[in-house]
Each structure stands twice: as C-alpha cells, then as structure tokens.
C-alpha cells in the first residue's frame, strides 16, 4: 500500500488503521492531530479508520514549551 505521509511517499505491505500507522511512526499515545485526504480524523476514530492505497496523511505533533 502506498501512502504519502507529511509529504513523503511511504510503502506499507498491508492495510493500516490510523492508530497502526502512528504506532509504526513511534507516535502512539502522543498528542497529535491526523488528517487523511484533508479530513480530520478524531482520536476516538484512529483505531477504526482504515487507510487506503494512495491516501495522503498529514500528522501534526504538539510540542509544549515556555
């Protein structure tokens, strides 16, 4: 399966949910916002939203500071 993640092409052998993708990127459990094909995927839906071949995924992580 071919995805574009934050502007970079990625290849994955199997279909993934948003939650599984975040796990492969070491972002599981970290605060972030995920958009698939310009549509926000809310955190409660990360485990149910299955990515499709050709999807464009944008992930924004939050960084605290002061």
PDB file of N, CA and C in Angstrom:
ATOM      1  N   UNK A   1       0.841  -1.162   0.000  1.00  0.00           N
ATOM      2  CA  UNK A   1       0.000   0.000   0.000  1.00  0.00           C
ATOM      3  C   UNK A   1       0.894   1.235   0.000  1.00  0.00           C
ATOM      4  N   UNK A   2       0.596   2.173  -0.862  1.00  0.00           N
ATOM      5  CA  UNK A   2       1.366   3.415  -0.981  1.00  0.00           C
ATOM      6  C   UNK A   2       0.610   4.558  -0.306  1.00  0.00           C
ATOM      7  N   UNK A   3       1.297   5.269   0.567  1.00  0.00           N
ATOM      8  CA  UNK A   3       0.746   6.432   1.253  1.00  0.00           C
ATOM      9  C   UNK A   3       1.698   7.604   1.085  1.00  0.00           C
ATOM     10  N   UNK A   4       1.168   8.798   1.240  1.00  0.00           N
ATOM     11  CA  UNK A   4       2.006   9.985   1.358  1.00  0.00           C
ATOM     12  C   UNK A   4       1.802  10.490   2.780  1.00  0.00           C
ATOM     13  N   UNK A   5       2.873  10.499   3.566  1.00  0.00           N
ATOM     14  CA  UNK A   5       2.798  10.908   4.961  1.00  0.00           C
ATOM     15  C   UNK A   5       3.657  12.146   5.146  1.00  0.00           C
ATOM     16  N   UNK A   6       3.013  13.244   5.489  1.00  0.00           N
ATOM     17  CA  UNK A   6       3.694  14.534   5.653  1.00  0.00           C
ATOM     18  C   UNK A   6       4.554  14.857   4.432  1.00  0.00           C
ATOM     19  N   UNK A   7       3.992  14.620   3.258  1.00  0.00           N
ATOM     20  CA  UNK A   7       4.654  14.981   2.010  1.00  0.00           C
ATOM     21  C   UNK A   7       5.660  13.977   1.478  1.00  0.00           C
ATOM     22  N   UNK A   8       5.876  12.878   2.197  1.00  0.00           N
ATOM     23  CA  UNK A   8       6.866  11.887   1.773  1.00  0.00           C
ATOM     24  C   UNK A   8       6.176  10.566   1.434  1.00  0.00           C
ATOM     25  N   UNK A   9       6.547   9.954   0.313  1.00  0.00           N
ATOM     26  CA  UNK A   9       5.943   8.665  -0.033  1.00  0.00           C
ATOM     27  C   UNK A   9       6.426   7.560   0.908  1.00  0.00           C
ATOM     28  N   UNK A  10       5.489   6.696   1.281  1.00  0.00           N
ATOM     29  CA  UNK A  10       5.804   5.544   2.123  1.00  0.00           C
ATOM     30  C   UNK A  10       5.108   4.329   1.555  1.00  0.00           C
ATOM     31  N   UNK A  11       5.740   3.184   1.710  1.00  0.00           N
ATOM     32  CA  UNK A  11       5.166   1.925   1.260  1.00  0.00           C
ATOM     33  C   UNK A  11       4.960   1.024   2.466  1.00  0.00           C
ATOM     34  N   UNK A  12       3.778   0.421   2.565  1.00  0.00           N
ATOM     35  CA  UNK A  12       3.459  -0.497   3.655  1.00  0.00           C
ATOM     36  C   UNK A  12       2.907  -1.783   3.041  1.00  0.00           C
ATOM     37  N   UNK A  13       3.298  -2.938   3.585  1.00  0.00           N
ATOM     38  CA  UNK A  13       2.881  -4.204   2.982  1.00  0.00           C
ATOM     39  C   UNK A  13       1.390  -4.504   3.142  1.00  0.00           C
ATOM     40  N   UNK A  14       0.779  -3.994   4.196  1.00  0.00           N
ATOM     41  CA  UNK A  14      -0.626  -4.301   4.471  1.00  0.00           C
ATOM     42  C   UNK A  14      -1.397  -3.021   4.738  1.00  0.00           C
ATOM     43  N   UNK A  15      -2.717  -3.153   4.705  1.00  0.00           N
ATOM     44  CA  UNK A  15      -3.581  -2.033   5.072  1.00  0.00           C
ATOM     45  C   UNK A  15      -3.368  -1.710   6.549  1.00  0.00           C
ATOM     46  N   UNK A  16      -3.465  -0.442   6.879  1.00  0.00           N
ATOM     47  CA  UNK A  16      -3.251   0.023   8.249  1.00  0.00           C
ATOM     48  C   UNK A  16      -4.409   0.902   8.687  1.00  0.00           C
ATOM     49  N   UNK A  17      -4.664   0.918   9.980  1.00  0.00           N
ATOM     50  CA  UNK A  17      -5.538   1.941  10.539  1.00  0.00           C
ATOM     51  C   UNK A  17      -4.660   3.142  10.879  1.00  0.00           C
ATOM     52  N   UNK A  18      -5.274   4.256  11.158  1.00  0.00           N
ATOM     53  CA  UNK A  18      -4.512   5.434  11.580  1.00  0.00           C
ATOM     54  C   UNK A  18      -3.710   5.095  12.834  1.00  0.00           C
ATOM     55  N   UNK A  19      -4.338   4.390  13.766  1.00  0.00           N
ATOM     56  CA  UNK A  19      -3.646   4.013  15.001  1.00  0.00           C
ATOM     57  C   UNK A  19      -2.404   3.162  14.713  1.00  0.00           C
ATOM     58  N   UNK A  20      -2.503   2.216  13.814  1.00  0.00           N
ATOM     59  CA  UNK A  20      -1.362   1.371  13.461  1.00  0.00           C
ATOM     60  C   UNK A  20      -0.251   2.187  12.796  1.00  0.00           C
ATOM     61  N   UNK A  21      -0.634   3.138  11.944  1.00  0.00           N
ATOM     62  CA  UNK A  21       0.365   3.994  11.316  1.00  0.00           C
ATOM     63  C   UNK A  21       1.108   4.806  12.369  1.00  0.00           C
ATOM     64  N   UNK A  22       0.366   5.372  13.322  1.00  0.00           N
ATOM     65  CA  UNK A  22       1.006   6.145  14.386  1.00  0.00           C
ATOM     66  C   UNK A  22       1.966   5.277  15.188  1.00  0.00           C
ATOM     67  N   UNK A  23       1.612   4.027  15.400  1.00  0.00           N
ATOM     68  CA  UNK A  23       2.496   3.107  16.119  1.00  0.00           C
ATOM     69  C   UNK A  23       3.781   2.879  15.327  1.00  0.00           C
ATOM     70  N   UNK A  24       3.678   2.685  14.014  1.00  0.00           N
ATOM     71  CA  UNK A  24       4.884   2.463  13.207  1.00  0.00           C
ATOM     72  C   UNK A  24       5.779   3.691  13.188  1.00  0.00           C
ATOM     73  N   UNK A  25       5.201   4.855  13.413  1.00  0.00           N
ATOM     74  CA  UNK A  25       5.964   6.106  13.410  1.00  0.00           C
ATOM     75  C   UNK A  25       6.396   6.523  14.825  1.00  0.00           C
ATOM     76  N   UNK A  26       6.202   5.638  15.797  1.00  0.00           N
ATOM     77  CA  UNK A  26       6.522   5.913  17.207  1.00  0.00           C
ATOM     78  C   UNK A  26       5.772   7.122  17.755  1.00  0.00           C
ATOM     79  N   UNK A  27       4.536   7.299  17.304  1.00  0.00           N
ATOM     80  CA  UNK A  27       3.720   8.405  17.775  1.00  0.00           C
ATOM     81  C   UNK A  27       2.495   7.942  18.563  1.00  0.00           C
ATOM     82  N   UNK A  28       2.375   6.649  18.787  1.00  0.00           N
ATOM     83  CA  UNK A  28       1.227   6.123  19.530  1.00  0.00           C
ATOM     84  C   UNK A  28       1.188   6.715  20.930  1.00  0.00           C
ATOM     85  N   UNK A  29       0.028   7.212  21.327  1.00  0.00           N
ATOM     86  CA  UNK A  29      -0.136   7.770  22.665  1.00  0.00           C
ATOM     87  C   UNK A  29       0.361   9.188  22.828  1.00  0.00           C
ATOM     88  N   UNK A  30       0.992   9.731  21.807  1.00  0.00           N
ATOM     89  CA  UNK A  30       1.492  11.107  21.891  1.00  0.00           C
ATOM     90  C   UNK A  30       0.436  12.056  21.328  1.00  0.00           C
ATOM     91  N   UNK A  31       0.377  13.267  21.854  1.00  0.00           N
ATOM     92  CA  UNK A  31      -0.620  14.210  21.342  1.00  0.00           C
ATOM     93  C   UNK A  31      -0.312  14.610  19.900  1.00  0.00           C
ATOM     94  N   UNK A  32      -1.268  14.389  19.029  1.00  0.00           N
ATOM     95  CA  UNK A  32      -1.094  14.764  17.629  1.00  0.00           C
ATOM     96  C   UNK A  32      -2.461  14.878  16.960  1.00  0.00           C
ATOM     97  N   UNK A  33      -2.461  15.552  15.841  1.00  0.00           N
ATOM     98  CA  UNK A  33      -3.661  15.661  15.011  1.00  0.00           C
ATOM     99  C   UNK A  33      -3.368  14.952  13.702  1.00  0.00           C
ATOM    100  N   UNK A  34      -4.363  14.207  13.209  1.00  0.00           N
ATOM    101  CA  UNK A  34      -4.182  13.439  11.985  1.00  0.00           C
ATOM    102  C   UNK A  34      -5.260  13.831  10.983  1.00  0.00           C
ATOM    103  N   UNK A  35      -4.809  14.123   9.777  1.00  0.00           N
ATOM    104  CA  UNK A  35      -5.697  14.475   8.677  1.00  0.00           C
ATOM    105  C   UNK A  35      -5.446  13.468   7.552  1.00  0.00           C
ATOM    106  N   UNK A  36      -6.517  12.878   7.017  1.00  0.00           N
ATOM    107  CA  UNK A  36      -6.412  11.950   5.894  1.00  0.00           C
ATOM    108  C   UNK A  36      -7.199  12.551   4.733  1.00  0.00           C
ATOM    109  N   UNK A  37      -6.503  12.789   3.642  1.00  0.00           N
ATOM    110  CA  UNK A  37      -7.128  13.401   2.461  1.00  0.00           C
ATOM    111  C   UNK A  37      -7.882  14.677   2.832  1.00  0.00           C
ATOM    112  N   UNK A  38      -7.224  15.495   3.654  1.00  0.00           N
ATOM    113  CA  UNK A  38      -7.720  16.804   4.090  1.00  0.00           C
ATOM    114  C   UNK A  38      -8.947  16.728   4.996  1.00  0.00           C
ATOM    115  N   UNK A  39      -9.155  15.558   5.612  1.00  0.00           N
ATOM    116  CA  UNK A  39     -10.266  15.390   6.545  1.00  0.00           C
ATOM    117  C   UNK A  39      -9.705  14.973   7.900  1.00  0.00           C
ATOM    118  N   UNK A  40     -10.039  15.748   8.933  1.00  0.00           N
ATOM    119  CA  UNK A  40      -9.547  15.466  10.278  1.00  0.00           C
ATOM    120  C   UNK A  40     -10.130  14.147  10.775  1.00  0.00           C
ATOM    121  N   UNK A  41      -9.256  13.300  11.305  1.00  0.00           N
ATOM    122  CA  UNK A  41      -9.686  12.043  11.908  1.00  0.00           C
ATOM    123  C   UNK A  41      -9.537  12.199  13.414  1.00  0.00           C
ATOM    124  N   UNK A  42     -10.644  12.206  14.111  1.00  0.00           N
ATOM    125  CA  UNK A  42     -10.614  12.408  15.556  1.00  0.00           C
ATOM    126  C   UNK A  42      -9.995  11.199  16.256  1.00  0.00           C
ATOM    127  N   UNK A  43      -9.333  11.460  17.369  1.00  0.00           N
ATOM    128  CA  UNK A  43      -8.608  10.416  18.090  1.00  0.00           C
ATOM    129  C   UNK A  43      -9.465   9.183  18.394  1.00  0.00           C
ATOM    130  N   UNK A  44     -10.737   9.332  18.809  1.00  0.00           N
ATOM    131  CA  UNK A  44     -11.537   8.129  19.078  1.00  0.00           C
ATOM    132  C   UNK A  44     -11.743   7.251  17.833  1.00  0.00           C
ATOM    133  N   UNK A  45     -11.512   7.803  16.654  1.00  0.00           N
ATOM    134  CA  UNK A  45     -11.696   7.053  15.408  1.00  0.00           C
ATOM    135  C   UNK A  45     -10.394   6.525  14.824  1.00  0.00           C
ATOM    136  N   UNK A  46      -9.258   6.782  15.464  1.00  0.00           N
ATOM    137  CA  UNK A  46      -7.965   6.338  14.922  1.00  0.00           C
ATOM    138  C   UNK A  46      -7.910   4.826  14.733  1.00  0.00           C
ATOM    139  N   UNK A  47      -8.517   4.064  15.652  1.00  0.00           N
ATOM    140  CA  UNK A  47      -8.446   2.608  15.532  1.00  0.00           C
ATOM    141  C   UNK A  47      -9.451   2.057  14.527  1.00  0.00           C
ATOM    142  N   UNK A  48     -10.432   2.840  14.120  1.00  0.00           N
ATOM    143  CA  UNK A  48     -11.463   2.360  13.191  1.00  0.00           C
ATOM    144  C   UNK A  48     -11.249   2.852  11.758  1.00  0.00           C
ATOM    145  N   UNK A  49     -10.460   3.907  11.583  1.00  0.00           N
ATOM    146  CA  UNK A  49     -10.271   4.470  10.242  1.00  0.00           C
ATOM    147  C   UNK A  49      -9.137   3.729   9.523  1.00  0.00           C
ATOM    148  N   UNK A  50      -9.504   2.939   8.521  1.00  0.00           N
ATOM    149  CA  UNK A  50      -8.517   2.191   7.744  1.00  0.00           C
ATOM    150  C   UNK A  50      -8.049   3.040   6.574  1.00  0.00           C
ATOM    151  N   UNK A  51      -6.753   3.126   6.429  1.00  0.00           N
ATOM    152  CA  UNK A  51      -6.159   3.886   5.335  1.00  0.00           C
ATOM    153  C   UNK A  51      -6.250   3.085   4.036  1.00  0.00           C
ATOM    154  N   UNK A  52      -6.374   3.787   2.924  1.00  0.00           N
ATOM    155  CA  UNK A  52      -6.479   3.151   1.617  1.00  0.00           C
ATOM    156  C   UNK A  52      -5.259   3.510   0.771  1.00  0.00           C
ATOM    157  N   UNK A  53      -4.966   2.657  -0.192  1.00  0.00           N
ATOM    158  CA  UNK A  53      -3.862   2.908  -1.104  1.00  0.00           C
ATOM    159  C   UNK A  53      -4.025   4.283  -1.742  1.00  0.00           C
ATOM    160  N   UNK A  54      -2.976   5.080  -1.696  1.00  0.00           N
ATOM    161  CA  UNK A  54      -2.999   6.407  -2.300  1.00  0.00           C
ATOM    162  C   UNK A  54      -3.418   7.527  -1.369  1.00  0.00           C
ATOM    163  N   UNK A  55      -3.774   7.205  -0.123  1.00  0.00           N
ATOM    164  CA  UNK A  55      -4.189   8.244   0.823  1.00  0.00           C
ATOM    165  C   UNK A  55      -3.026   9.189   1.127  1.00  0.00           C
ATOM    166  N   UNK A  56      -3.400  10.439   1.403  1.00  0.00           N
ATOM    167  CA  UNK A  56      -2.454  11.448   1.856  1.00  0.00           C
ATOM    168  C   UNK A  56      -2.728  11.723   3.320  1.00  0.00           C
ATOM    169  N   UNK A  57      -1.711  11.528   4.149  1.00  0.00           N
ATOM    170  CA  UNK A  57      -1.855  11.670   5.589  1.00  0.00           C
ATOM    171  C   UNK A  57      -0.952  12.805   6.068  1.00  0.00           C
ATOM    172  N   UNK A  58      -1.524  13.702   6.840  1.00  0.00           N
ATOM    173  CA  UNK A  58      -0.754  14.768   7.472  1.00  0.00           C
ATOM    174  C   UNK A  58      -0.856  14.579   8.980  1.00  0.00           C
ATOM    175  N   UNK A  59       0.286  14.559   9.651  1.00  0.00           N
ATOM    176  CA  UNK A  59       0.320  14.386  11.096  1.00  0.00           C
ATOM    177  C   UNK A  59       1.025  15.579  11.707  1.00  0.00           C
ATOM    178  N   UNK A  60       0.356  16.217  12.646  1.00  0.00           N
ATOM    179  CA  UNK A  60       0.935  17.367  13.344  1.00  0.00           C
ATOM    180  C   UNK A  60       1.076  16.983  14.796  1.00  0.00           C
ATOM    181  N   UNK A  61       2.296  17.056  15.307  1.00  0.00           N
ATOM    182  CA  UNK A  61       2.529  16.763  16.725  1.00  0.00           C
ATOM    183  C   UNK A  61       2.586  18.070  17.491  1.00  0.00           C
ATOM    184  N   UNK A  62       2.243  17.986  18.751  1.00  0.00           N
ATOM    185  CA  UNK A  62       2.213  19.170  19.605  1.00  0.00           C
ATOM    186  C   UNK A  62       3.437  19.171  20.508  1.00  0.00           C
ATOM    187  N   UNK A  63       4.065  20.324  20.609  1.00  0.00           N
ATOM    188  CA  UNK A  63       5.246  20.461  21.435  1.00  0.00           C
ATOM    189  C   UNK A  63       4.995  21.577  22.423  1.00  0.00           C
ATOM    190  N   UNK A  64       5.183  21.281  23.691  1.00  0.00           N
ATOM    191  CA  UNK A  64       4.995  22.280  24.731  1.00  0.00           C
ATOM    192  C   UNK A  64       6.297  23.034  24.980  1.00  0.00           C
ATOM    193  N   UNK A  65       6.177  24.162  25.543  1.00  0.00           N
ATOM    194  CA  UNK A  65       7.370  24.940  25.872  1.00  0.00           C
ATOM    195  C   UNK A  65       6.981  26.217  26.554  1.00  0.00           C
ATOM    196  N   UNK A  66       7.964  26.981  26.874  1.00  0.00           N
ATOM    197  CA  UNK A  66       7.622  28.217  27.552  1.00  0.00           C
ATOM    198  C   UNK A  66       8.796  29.134  27.661  1.00  0.00           C
TER     199      UNK A  66
END
